[in-house]
Amino acid sequence: MADFTVADVKTLREKTGAGMMDAKKALTEAGGDIEAAVDALRAKGLATAQKKSSRTAAEGLVGVAVQGTKGVSVEVNSETDFVAKNEQFQDFVRKTTEVALTLDNDDVEALKAASYPDGGTVADKLTDNVATIGENQQIRRMRIVSVEQGAVVPYVHNAAADGLGKIGVIVALEGDASDDVLATLGKDIAQHAAAMFPQALNADGLDADVIARERAIAQEKAAESGKPENVQEKMVEGAVKKYAKENALLSQIFVKDGKATVEEYVARTANEAGASIKLVDYVRFQLGEGIEKEESDFAAEVAAAVGG
């Protein structure tokens, strides 16, 4: 008996772009483990999608707010997109984000315990929302960025309302350039980050487990090449460095320029402005990234009901 379902095959194909038979074979060999099957398909060069986490898997809104040289992003999840369009829910996300801006760390529990503008705590208001709207809602995460001198610039992609949307980015620039220069540069970088999905500011900030996984995939590909061991080692190191370069914000090719990296573009802008500018931090929240939403197979449910 297969250790996976038709829905698993569909999920694997959506994540990798692999063909039906390749997906089924990979799942069979992986004993139904979807992530292992993804790695196997990538190692064989049969996967075309690299960033499964760019696919949203939950509803709700991301809120961003900035005051002076401090900014914050907060993700609040709901069960359906219908609720995300609800004015009461939007007001809650907006006010909760403003409350988060008054805190000193990224502690969601501290945010829940903080005073809500309309009275009680943020947690109390969240409970009221669940009761009145009729859907489960959760404050999933928050992140604060700040600089002593410079600018913190927000950007919401396809905003549902002011400061609210499904992708929220905040860029922190340190330096003594004019407000106009910093604001323009910050918005350009934020839009780049929204589109290019960097996983860290620089290579050192990339998740060690992710790098280890990429190395393992590269080693398997290199081994299948049949080339000498010393050549395989260079292939592996080259693949890991390429992955790090493409997934760290500073080393990504800046989409607005097409040739320079983000870091080089910042340096060029600073030079042209006769000022000092450094990109020191950023936050990019995409609604639902990393959350797996259960999807029911309606046709299969009906067939099972008729057959049962």
Protein backbone atom coordinates (compact mmCIF):
# COMPACT_ATOMS: atom_id res chain seq x y z
CA MET A 1 0.00 0.00 0.00
CA ALA A 2 1.34 3.45 -0.91
CA ASP A 3 2.57 5.66 1.94
CA PHE A 4 1.15 8.75 0.29
CA THR A 5 -2.05 10.11 -1.23
CA VAL A 6 -3.04 11.75 -4.49
CA ALA A 7 -3.02 15.04 -2.57
CA ASP A 8 0.63 14.39 -1.62
CA VAL A 9 1.54 13.93 -5.27
CA LYS A 10 -0.25 17.19 -6.11
CA THR A 11 1.61 19.01 -3.31
CA LEU A 12 4.97 17.66 -4.47
CA ARG A 13 4.30 18.68 -8.07
CA GLU A 14 3.31 22.19 -6.97
CA LYS A 15 6.50 22.51 -4.93
CA THR A 16 8.86 21.19 -7.59
CA GLY A 17 7.23 21.43 -11.00
CA ALA A 18 8.07 17.74 -11.54
CA GLY A 19 6.01 15.44 -13.75
CA MET A 20 3.35 13.11 -12.36
CA MET A 21 5.36 9.89 -12.71
CA ASP A 22 8.57 11.47 -11.37
CA ALA A 23 6.66 12.81 -8.36
CA LYS A 24 5.04 9.44 -7.63
CA LYS A 25 8.37 7.62 -7.95
CA ALA A 26 10.10 10.11 -5.66
CA LEU A 27 7.38 9.76 -3.02
CA THR A 28 7.54 5.97 -3.25
CA GLU A 29 11.31 5.97 -2.75
CA ALA A 30 11.00 8.49 0.09
CA GLY A 31 8.32 6.48 1.87
CA GLY A 32 5.82 9.31 1.52
CA ASP A 33 8.11 11.96 3.04
CA ILE A 34 7.38 15.04 0.90
CA GLU A 35 10.48 17.02 1.94
CA ALA A 36 12.76 14.05 1.24
CA ALA A 37 11.08 13.64 -2.14
CA VAL A 38 11.68 17.34 -2.90
CA ASP A 39 15.38 16.91 -2.16
CA ALA A 40 15.56 13.76 -4.30
CA LEU A 41 13.94 15.49 -7.27
CA ARG A 42 16.22 18.49 -6.93
CA ALA A 43 19.29 16.25 -6.76
CA LYS A 44 18.18 14.60 -10.00
CA GLY A 45 17.58 17.96 -11.64
CA LEU A 46 13.85 17.30 -11.92
CA ALA A 47 12.69 20.12 -9.67
CA THR A 48 12.11 23.54 -11.17
CA ALA A 49 10.87 25.40 -8.10
CA GLN A 50 13.48 26.27 -5.46
CA LYS A 51 11.55 28.36 -2.99
CA LYS A 52 8.53 26.52 -1.71
CA SER A 53 8.34 28.99 1.16
CA SER A 54 7.43 31.74 -1.30
CA ARG A 55 4.01 30.08 -1.49
CA THR A 56 1.60 31.48 1.08
CA ALA A 57 -0.29 28.89 3.10
CA ALA A 58 -2.44 30.87 5.57
CA GLU A 59 -4.76 33.86 5.53
CA GLY A 60 -4.72 37.12 7.45
CA LEU A 61 -2.60 40.25 7.18
CA VAL A 62 0.89 41.58 7.71
CA GLY A 63 1.03 45.00 9.33
CA VAL A 64 3.95 47.45 9.18
CA ALA A 65 4.46 50.68 11.09
CA VAL A 66 7.33 53.13 11.43
CA GLN A 67 7.99 55.97 13.86
CA GLY A 68 11.17 57.92 13.44
CA THR A 69 14.06 55.49 13.01
CA LYS A 70 12.20 52.47 14.42
CA GLY A 71 9.89 50.12 12.56
CA VAL A 72 7.97 46.93 13.23
CA SER A 73 6.19 44.24 11.25
CA VAL A 74 3.51 41.97 12.69
CA GLU A 75 1.74 38.97 11.16
CA VAL A 76 -1.78 38.12 12.31
CA ASN A 77 -3.40 35.02 10.85
CA SER A 78 -7.04 34.23 10.22
CA GLU A 79 -8.72 31.16 8.76
CA THR A 80 -10.05 32.79 5.60
CA ASP A 81 -9.22 35.67 3.29
CA PHE A 82 -12.78 36.88 3.83
CA VAL A 83 -11.89 37.81 7.42
CA ALA A 84 -8.71 39.56 6.24
CA LYS A 85 -11.00 41.96 4.34
CA ASN A 86 -13.11 42.60 7.44
CA GLU A 87 -12.77 46.17 8.76
CA GLN A 88 -12.79 44.98 12.37
CA PHE A 89 -9.92 42.57 11.70
CA GLN A 90 -7.96 45.19 9.76
CA ASP A 91 -8.40 47.70 12.58
CA PHE A 92 -7.12 45.10 15.05
CA VAL A 93 -4.01 44.34 12.99
CA ARG A 94 -3.29 48.05 12.50
CA LYS A 95 -3.64 48.93 16.20
CA THR A 96 -1.74 45.81 17.31
CA THR A 97 1.14 46.78 15.00
CA GLU A 98 1.14 50.27 16.54
CA VAL A 99 1.31 48.72 20.01
CA ALA A 100 4.21 46.50 18.90
CA LEU A 101 6.07 49.65 17.88
CA THR A 102 6.18 50.71 21.55
CA LEU A 103 7.92 47.50 22.66
CA ASP A 104 11.65 46.84 22.96
CA ASN A 105 11.87 43.26 21.64
CA ASP A 106 10.22 40.75 19.31
CA ASP A 107 8.32 38.87 22.05
CA VAL A 108 4.80 38.01 20.80
CA GLU A 109 3.70 37.10 24.34
CA ALA A 110 4.76 40.56 25.55
CA LEU A 111 2.74 42.05 22.71
CA LYS A 112 -0.33 40.06 23.72
CA ALA A 113 0.08 41.25 27.33
CA ALA A 114 0.46 44.91 26.29
CA SER A 115 -2.38 47.41 26.71
CA TYR A 116 -4.72 47.73 23.73
CA PRO A 117 -5.80 51.28 22.73
CA ASP A 118 -9.52 50.51 23.23
CA GLY A 119 -9.01 49.02 26.68
CA GLY A 120 -7.83 45.70 28.13
CA THR A 121 -4.89 43.90 26.59
CA VAL A 122 -4.10 42.92 23.02
CA ALA A 123 -4.90 39.32 24.02
CA ASP A 124 -8.31 40.41 25.38
CA LYS A 125 -9.15 42.14 22.10
CA LEU A 126 -7.98 39.11 20.14
CA THR A 127 -10.33 36.91 22.17
CA ASP A 128 -13.20 39.32 21.53
CA ASN A 129 -12.46 39.24 17.80
CA VAL A 130 -12.56 35.46 17.71
CA ALA A 131 -15.91 35.51 19.50
CA THR A 132 -17.53 38.21 17.36
CA ILE A 133 -16.05 37.35 13.94
CA GLY A 134 -16.37 33.61 14.48
CA GLU A 135 -12.96 32.53 13.21
CA ASN A 136 -9.77 31.53 14.93
CA GLN A 137 -7.12 34.27 14.79
CA GLN A 138 -3.53 34.26 15.98
CA ILE A 139 -0.71 36.76 16.34
CA ARG A 140 2.04 34.68 14.79
CA ARG A 141 5.19 36.82 14.87
CA MET A 142 6.66 40.31 15.07
CA ARG A 143 10.02 41.89 14.32
CA ILE A 144 11.47 45.29 15.23
CA VAL A 145 14.24 47.06 13.30
CA SER A 146 15.89 50.36 14.19
CA VAL A 147 18.93 52.58 13.62
CA GLU A 148 20.43 55.43 15.63
CA GLN A 149 21.01 57.65 12.60
CA GLY A 150 19.53 57.10 9.17
CA ALA A 151 16.13 55.88 8.07
CA VAL A 152 13.75 52.96 8.48
CA VAL A 153 11.61 52.62 5.36
CA PRO A 154 8.41 50.52 5.10
CA TYR A 155 6.80 48.95 2.05
CA VAL A 156 3.66 46.86 1.66
CA HIS A 157 3.21 44.95 -1.57
CA ASN A 158 -0.35 45.11 -2.97
CA ALA A 159 -1.64 46.80 0.16
CA ALA A 160 -5.12 45.81 1.32
CA ALA A 161 -5.27 49.02 3.36
CA ASP A 162 -2.78 51.57 4.66
CA GLY A 163 0.12 49.63 6.22
CA LEU A 164 -1.57 46.26 5.72
CA GLY A 165 -1.06 43.55 3.11
CA LYS A 166 0.25 40.06 2.39
CA ILE A 167 3.92 41.03 2.06
CA GLY A 168 5.43 43.64 4.37
CA VAL A 169 9.04 44.81 4.22
CA ILE A 170 11.00 47.23 6.37
CA VAL A 171 14.53 48.35 5.46
CA ALA A 172 16.97 49.92 7.92
CA LEU A 173 19.59 52.25 6.45
CA GLU A 174 22.30 53.75 8.62
CA GLY A 175 24.02 56.93 7.46
CA ASP A 176 24.06 60.70 7.11
CA ALA A 177 22.50 61.11 3.66
CA SER A 178 19.48 63.37 3.19
CA ASP A 179 16.02 62.12 4.09
CA ASP A 180 15.01 62.11 0.43
CA VAL A 181 17.99 59.98 -0.63
CA LEU A 182 17.45 57.49 2.19
CA ALA A 183 13.69 57.28 1.57
CA THR A 184 14.12 56.64 -2.16
CA LEU A 185 16.88 54.08 -1.69
CA GLY A 186 15.01 52.38 1.14
CA LYS A 187 11.85 51.99 -0.91
CA ASP A 188 13.82 50.59 -3.87
CA ILE A 189 15.52 48.01 -1.66
CA ALA A 190 12.26 47.13 0.08
CA GLN A 191 10.55 46.51 -3.27
CA HIS A 192 13.53 44.37 -4.32
CA ALA A 193 13.25 42.33 -1.10
CA ALA A 194 9.51 41.87 -1.62
CA ALA A 195 10.14 40.45 -5.09
CA MET A 196 13.36 38.49 -4.58
CA PHE A 197 12.68 36.85 -1.19
CA PRO A 198 16.13 37.08 0.47
CA GLN A 199 16.52 34.74 3.43
CA ALA A 200 19.11 36.81 5.33
CA LEU A 201 20.97 40.10 5.16
CA ASN A 202 24.28 38.39 4.31
CA ALA A 203 25.65 34.87 3.83
CA ASP A 204 26.62 34.57 7.51
CA GLY A 205 22.98 35.03 8.48
CA LEU A 206 21.64 32.13 6.40
CA ASP A 207 20.19 29.22 8.37
CA ALA A 208 22.89 26.59 9.00
CA ASP A 209 20.41 23.73 8.47
CA VAL A 210 19.40 25.16 5.10
CA ILE A 211 23.04 25.45 4.02
CA ALA A 212 23.68 21.86 5.17
CA ARG A 213 20.72 20.70 3.11
CA GLU A 214 21.96 22.55 0.02
CA ARG A 215 25.41 21.05 0.51
CA ALA A 216 23.97 17.53 0.72
CA ILE A 217 22.01 18.05 -2.49
CA ALA A 218 25.10 19.45 -4.23
CA GLN A 219 27.18 16.49 -3.05
CA GLU A 220 24.67 14.04 -4.46
CA LYS A 221 24.63 15.86 -7.81
CA ALA A 222 28.43 15.98 -7.88
CA ALA A 223 28.71 12.26 -7.09
CA GLU A 224 26.38 11.43 -9.98
CA SER A 225 28.64 13.40 -12.36
CA GLY A 226 31.34 10.72 -12.11
CA LYS A 227 34.07 13.36 -12.05
CA PRO A 228 37.24 13.10 -9.90
CA GLU A 229 36.81 13.72 -6.17
CA ASN A 230 38.74 17.00 -6.19
CA VAL A 231 36.51 18.29 -8.99
CA GLN A 232 33.42 17.17 -7.09
CA GLU A 233 34.55 19.14 -4.04
CA LYS A 234 34.89 22.29 -6.14
CA MET A 235 31.46 21.67 -7.65
CA VAL A 236 29.93 21.39 -4.19
CA GLU A 237 31.63 24.53 -2.86
CA GLY A 238 30.64 26.43 -5.98
CA ALA A 239 27.01 25.37 -5.64
CA VAL A 240 26.87 26.36 -1.95
CA LYS A 241 28.47 29.75 -2.62
CA LYS A 242 26.04 30.36 -5.49
CA TYR A 243 23.08 29.52 -3.25
CA ALA A 244 24.36 31.85 -0.51
CA LYS A 245 24.92 34.69 -2.97
CA GLU A 246 21.45 34.35 -4.49
CA ASN A 247 19.68 34.21 -1.12
CA ALA A 248 21.47 36.91 0.90
CA LEU A 249 20.05 40.40 0.36
CA LEU A 250 23.36 42.27 0.12
CA SER A 251 24.79 39.94 -2.53
CA GLN A 252 21.65 39.61 -4.67
CA ILE A 253 21.70 41.37 -8.05
CA PHE A 254 19.66 44.53 -7.52
CA VAL A 255 16.59 44.26 -9.74
CA LYS A 256 16.48 47.99 -10.45
CA ASP A 257 20.05 47.93 -11.77
CA GLY A 258 20.40 44.43 -13.24
CA LYS A 259 24.17 44.31 -12.81
CA ALA A 260 25.28 45.62 -9.42
CA THR A 261 24.56 43.78 -6.18
CA VAL A 262 22.40 45.46 -3.57
CA GLU A 263 25.51 46.22 -1.53
CA GLU A 264 27.27 47.77 -4.53
CA TYR A 265 24.19 49.83 -5.39
CA VAL A 266 24.02 51.21 -1.85
CA ALA A 267 27.72 52.15 -2.02
CA ARG A 268 27.21 53.84 -5.40
CA THR A 269 24.24 55.81 -4.10
CA ALA A 270 26.24 56.92 -1.07
CA ASN A 271 29.13 58.02 -3.28
CA GLU A 272 26.84 60.00 -5.59
CA ALA A 273 25.22 61.67 -2.58
CA GLY A 274 28.59 62.42 -0.97
CA ALA A 275 27.37 60.69 2.17
CA SER A 276 27.70 57.49 4.16
CA ILE A 277 24.95 54.88 3.79
CA LYS A 278 24.90 51.27 4.96
CA LEU A 279 22.12 48.70 4.77
CA VAL A 280 22.21 47.23 8.28
CA ASP A 281 18.95 45.32 8.68
CA TYR A 282 15.64 44.43 7.11
CA VAL A 283 12.54 42.37 7.79
CA ARG A 284 10.37 40.69 5.19
CA PHE A 285 7.16 39.02 6.30
CA GLN A 286 5.12 37.13 3.74
CA LEU A 287 1.74 36.01 4.96
CA GLY A 288 1.68 32.34 5.87
CA GLU A 289 5.22 31.44 4.82
CA GLY A 290 6.21 28.15 6.41
CA ILE A 291 2.64 27.24 7.40
CA GLU A 292 1.15 24.19 5.72
CA LYS A 293 -2.59 24.59 5.21
CA GLU A 294 -4.64 21.43 5.07
CA GLU A 295 -6.56 21.23 1.83
CA SER A 296 -9.46 18.87 1.45
CA ASP A 297 -9.91 16.90 -1.76
CA PHE A 298 -13.63 17.46 -2.34
CA ALA A 299 -13.86 14.98 -5.22
CA ALA A 300 -12.19 12.27 -3.16
CA GLU A 301 -14.48 13.00 -0.19
CA VAL A 302 -17.58 12.65 -2.39
CA ALA A 303 -16.27 9.41 -3.95
CA ALA A 304 -15.52 8.01 -0.49
CA ALA A 305 -18.99 8.98 0.75
CA VAL A 306 -20.70 7.36 -2.25
CA GLY A 307 -18.56 4.25 -1.95
CA GLY A 308 -19.02 4.03 1.80
